[in-house]
Amino acid sequence: QVQVVESGGGWVQAGGSLRLSCAASGCTFGRCAMGWFRQAPGKEREYVAAISRVGGITYYADSVKGRFTISRDNAKSTVYLQMNNLKPEDTAVYYCAARTGTGSGSSQPDDYNYWGQGTQVTVSS
């Protein structure tokens, strides 16, 4: 069984930075591919970034490429999302997701079988 818990959200001015953490118990030593998604009010859930089970291969949505960095510490079963140069349009609830099995990082929410409760990120202009 995998439990996913996000932390690190908050309020920041445009141009600022935040670092989100995702503790995924049961995902030790590369058992899970991981992804970050976000959902703004009135909008559908949107893919942000993903990272492979092993090898640290990363994937990003075009909207965050060059500003966000996903990384993982397999020994700690933790994934991070470093967000720099934040923009008001980045405001959303950010969700971490885990994908067990042999699949790699994916942009499709249906590929993930465990989700966290979300953490709010608010960027003011």
Protein backbone atom coordinates (compact mmCIF):
# COMPACT_ATOMS: atom_id res chain seq x y z
CA GLN A 1 0.00 0.00 0.00
CA VAL A 2 1.23 3.49 -0.88
CA GLN A 3 0.34 6.69 0.90
CA VAL A 4 1.13 10.05 -0.68
CA VAL A 5 1.36 13.26 1.32
CA GLU A 6 2.27 16.66 -0.12
CA SER A 7 3.65 19.63 1.78
CA GLY A 8 5.31 22.97 1.12
CA GLY A 9 2.54 24.95 -0.50
CA GLY A 10 1.86 28.55 0.42
CA TRP A 11 1.63 32.11 -0.79
CA VAL A 12 4.32 33.85 -2.78
CA GLN A 13 4.66 36.93 -4.93
CA ALA A 14 5.20 36.63 -8.66
CA GLY A 15 8.82 35.88 -9.44
CA GLY A 16 9.29 34.04 -6.17
CA SER A 17 10.02 30.39 -5.45
CA LEU A 18 8.48 27.51 -3.55
CA ARG A 19 9.54 23.92 -3.02
CA LEU A 20 6.92 21.22 -2.73
CA SER A 21 7.65 17.88 -1.12
CA CYS A 22 5.84 14.60 -1.58
CA ALA A 23 6.37 11.76 0.84
CA ALA A 24 5.31 8.47 -0.72
CA SER A 25 5.47 5.68 1.81
CA GLY A 26 5.77 2.34 0.11
CA CYS A 27 7.69 3.83 -2.83
CA THR A 28 11.17 3.09 -1.62
CA PHE A 29 14.12 2.52 -3.95
CA GLY A 30 12.42 3.42 -7.17
CA ARG A 31 9.32 1.28 -6.82
CA CYS A 32 7.12 4.11 -8.18
CA ALA A 33 7.18 6.57 -11.00
CA MET A 34 5.97 9.91 -9.67
CA GLY A 35 4.13 12.88 -11.07
CA TRP A 36 2.93 16.33 -10.14
CA PHE A 37 -0.38 17.70 -11.33
CA ARG A 38 -2.29 20.87 -10.52
CA GLN A 39 -5.86 22.08 -10.63
CA ALA A 40 -6.96 25.70 -10.64
CA PRO A 41 -10.52 26.73 -9.73
CA GLY A 42 -12.92 25.97 -12.54
CA LYS A 43 -10.28 24.14 -14.58
CA GLU A 44 -9.39 20.53 -15.22
CA ARG A 45 -6.48 18.82 -13.55
CA GLU A 46 -3.30 19.64 -15.47
CA TYR A 47 -0.06 17.72 -15.78
CA VAL A 48 3.01 19.53 -14.46
CA ALA A 49 5.99 17.15 -14.28
CA ALA A 50 6.96 13.51 -13.86
CA ILE A 51 10.01 11.46 -12.96
CA SER A 52 10.90 7.87 -13.76
CA ARG A 53 11.21 5.06 -11.22
CA VAL A 54 14.95 4.77 -11.71
CA GLY A 55 17.49 6.85 -13.54
CA GLY A 56 15.87 10.15 -12.64
CA ILE A 57 14.49 10.78 -16.12
CA THR A 58 12.32 13.88 -15.92
CA TYR A 59 9.45 15.18 -18.00
CA TYR A 60 7.79 18.59 -17.95
CA ALA A 61 4.75 20.37 -19.30
CA ASP A 62 5.69 23.17 -21.67
CA SER A 63 4.12 25.72 -19.33
CA VAL A 64 6.65 25.02 -16.57
CA LYS A 65 9.73 23.92 -18.52
CA GLY A 66 12.76 25.94 -17.47
CA ARG A 67 11.08 27.17 -14.28
CA PHE A 68 10.18 23.98 -12.37
CA THR A 69 12.44 21.07 -11.46
CA ILE A 70 11.27 17.65 -10.30
CA SER A 71 13.67 15.44 -8.36
CA ARG A 72 13.55 12.45 -6.06
CA ASP A 73 15.34 10.87 -3.14
CA ASN A 74 14.57 7.17 -3.37
CA ALA A 75 16.08 6.38 0.01
CA LYS A 76 13.63 8.80 1.60
CA SER A 77 10.72 7.91 -0.70
CA THR A 78 10.34 11.62 -1.36
CA VAL A 79 9.83 13.63 -4.51
CA TYR A 80 10.35 17.36 -4.79
CA LEU A 81 9.06 20.07 -7.08
CA GLN A 82 11.23 23.17 -7.06
CA MET A 83 9.24 26.03 -8.53
CA ASN A 84 11.08 29.19 -9.55
CA ASN A 85 9.94 32.38 -11.25
CA LEU A 86 6.38 31.68 -10.24
CA LYS A 87 3.56 33.38 -12.11
CA PRO A 88 -0.03 34.13 -11.05
CA GLU A 89 -1.21 31.49 -13.53
CA ASP A 90 0.67 28.88 -11.48
CA THR A 91 -1.90 29.35 -8.72
CA ALA A 92 -3.58 26.00 -8.11
CA VAL A 93 -3.86 23.04 -5.81
CA TYR A 94 -0.85 20.85 -6.53
CA TYR A 95 -1.21 17.09 -6.33
CA CYS A 96 1.46 14.42 -6.14
CA ALA A 97 0.76 11.01 -7.64
CA ALA A 98 2.47 7.63 -7.56
CA ARG A 99 2.48 4.98 -10.26
CA THR A 100 3.45 1.49 -9.16
CA GLY A 101 4.47 -1.30 -11.49
CA THR A 102 6.78 -1.03 -14.48
CA GLY A 103 5.42 2.11 -16.08
CA SER A 104 7.51 5.26 -16.33
CA GLY A 105 6.65 8.84 -15.65
CA SER A 106 3.48 9.84 -17.45
CA SER A 107 1.44 12.95 -18.21
CA GLN A 108 -1.83 11.02 -17.96
CA PRO A 109 -3.61 11.13 -14.59
CA ASP A 110 -5.19 7.72 -15.21
CA ASP A 111 -1.73 6.11 -15.23
CA TYR A 112 -1.27 6.89 -11.54
CA ASN A 113 -2.92 4.78 -8.89
CA TYR A 114 -2.16 6.73 -5.69
CA TRP A 115 -2.81 10.42 -5.07
CA GLY A 116 -2.17 12.88 -2.28
CA GLN A 117 -4.69 15.30 -0.86
CA GLY A 118 -3.12 18.32 -2.52
CA THR A 119 -1.38 21.47 -1.33
CA GLN A 120 -2.41 25.01 -2.24
CA VAL A 121 -0.01 27.29 -4.09
CA THR A 122 -1.04 30.92 -4.48
CA VAL A 123 1.00 33.38 -6.54
CA SER A 124 0.05 37.04 -6.30
CA SER A 125 0.86 39.62 -8.95
